[in-house]
Amino acid sequence: MIRLLADPLRQQLVELLAAGPACTCHLVDDTGAKQPTISHHLKVLREAGLVESEPYGRYTYYRLNPELLETAADQLSELAARARSSAAQRRACE
């Protein structure tokens, strides 16, 4: 998830889709990126399961998968809690 969002344009797409479903033409207008670039990043996000597509008339709308975001957020919160509780513990060197 972190690697997916490390790309600034993918992060921007995710932020835009958090406001609601959008088609490629909306995302092109909102980001200023070219359509093939948007389509490439949407494909990467779809393959990861973060974005879902839905045909609607002549267009395809994209929306976020909130369950995947919640799972990632829970995992990161759990990791942060473990790091916080073990911050003072050092492993002995041999």
Protein backbone atom coordinates (compact mmCIF):
# COMPACT_ATOMS: atom_id res chain seq x y z
CA MET A 1 0.00 0.00 0.00
CA ILE A 2 2.78 2.41 0.91
CA ARG A 3 4.58 1.67 -2.36
CA LEU A 4 1.36 2.29 -4.30
CA LEU A 5 0.88 5.67 -2.70
CA ALA A 6 4.54 6.65 -2.96
CA ASP A 7 3.86 7.87 -6.49
CA PRO A 8 2.55 11.46 -6.25
CA LEU A 9 0.02 11.06 -9.09
CA ARG A 10 -1.38 7.82 -7.66
CA GLN A 11 -1.68 9.51 -4.29
CA GLN A 12 -3.53 12.39 -5.93
CA LEU A 13 -5.86 9.96 -7.74
CA VAL A 14 -6.66 8.19 -4.46
CA GLU A 15 -7.37 11.52 -2.78
CA LEU A 16 -9.66 12.56 -5.64
CA LEU A 17 -11.49 9.23 -5.57
CA ALA A 18 -11.98 9.58 -1.82
CA ALA A 19 -14.42 12.37 -2.70
CA GLY A 20 -16.47 9.91 -4.77
CA PRO A 21 -16.45 7.93 -8.00
CA ALA A 22 -15.01 9.60 -11.09
CA CYS A 23 -14.35 8.69 -14.69
CA THR A 24 -11.04 9.08 -16.48
CA CYS A 25 -12.10 12.38 -18.05
CA HIS A 26 -12.74 13.86 -14.58
CA LEU A 27 -9.35 12.67 -13.35
CA VAL A 28 -7.57 14.07 -16.40
CA ASP A 29 -9.24 17.45 -15.80
CA ASP A 30 -8.51 17.41 -12.06
CA THR A 31 -4.85 16.40 -12.34
CA GLY A 32 -3.76 17.84 -15.67
CA ALA A 33 -2.11 14.51 -16.50
CA LYS A 34 -2.60 12.89 -19.89
CA GLN A 35 -5.26 10.21 -20.32
CA PRO A 36 -2.81 7.32 -20.99
CA THR A 37 -0.93 8.20 -17.79
CA ILE A 38 -4.13 8.26 -15.75
CA SER A 39 -5.22 4.94 -17.27
CA HIS A 40 -1.86 3.35 -16.44
CA HIS A 41 -2.03 4.43 -12.80
CA LEU A 42 -5.68 3.35 -12.50
CA LYS A 43 -4.68 -0.07 -13.84
CA VAL A 44 -1.96 -0.38 -11.18
CA LEU A 45 -4.42 0.66 -8.46
CA ARG A 46 -7.09 -1.75 -9.80
CA GLU A 47 -4.65 -4.66 -9.92
CA ALA A 48 -3.74 -3.98 -6.30
CA GLY A 49 -7.43 -3.99 -5.37
CA LEU A 50 -7.40 -0.41 -4.11
CA VAL A 51 -9.63 0.87 -6.92
CA GLU A 52 -12.67 -0.77 -8.47
CA SER A 53 -14.17 0.05 -11.86
CA GLU A 54 -17.83 0.18 -12.81
CA PRO A 55 -19.21 0.70 -16.32
CA TYR A 56 -21.84 3.41 -16.52
CA GLY A 57 -23.19 4.13 -20.00
CA ARG A 58 -20.29 4.97 -22.30
CA TYR A 59 -17.97 5.64 -19.39
CA THR A 60 -16.19 3.68 -16.72
CA TYR A 61 -16.25 5.11 -13.24
CA TYR A 62 -13.58 4.35 -10.67
CA ARG A 63 -14.03 4.26 -6.92
CA LEU A 64 -11.91 3.38 -3.92
CA ASN A 65 -12.20 0.09 -2.08
CA PRO A 66 -12.67 1.37 1.49
CA GLU A 67 -12.23 -2.10 3.02
CA LEU A 68 -8.69 -2.36 1.65
CA LEU A 69 -7.88 1.10 2.98
CA GLU A 70 -9.24 0.18 6.39
CA THR A 71 -7.22 -3.05 6.44
CA ALA A 72 -4.04 -1.15 5.54
CA ALA A 73 -4.79 1.51 8.17
CA ASP A 74 -5.34 -1.18 10.83
CA GLN A 75 -2.08 -2.90 9.90
CA LEU A 76 -0.16 0.38 10.07
CA SER A 77 -1.75 1.26 13.42
CA GLU A 78 -0.82 -2.15 14.79
CA LEU A 79 2.74 -1.74 13.53
CA ALA A 80 2.97 1.71 15.15
CA ALA A 81 1.70 0.32 18.46
CA ARG A 82 4.30 -2.48 18.39
CA ALA A 83 7.06 0.00 17.56
CA ARG A 84 5.95 2.29 20.38
CA SER A 85 5.87 -0.51 22.96
CA SER A 86 9.26 -1.92 22.00
CA ALA A 87 11.15 1.33 21.33
CA ALA A 88 13.31 0.95 24.44
CA GLN A 89 14.09 -2.75 23.97
CA ARG A 90 17.46 -3.46 22.40
CA ARG A 91 18.56 -6.86 21.17
CA ALA A 92 21.90 -7.99 22.48
CA CYS A 93 24.75 -8.20 20.00
CA GLU A 94 26.91 -11.28 19.94
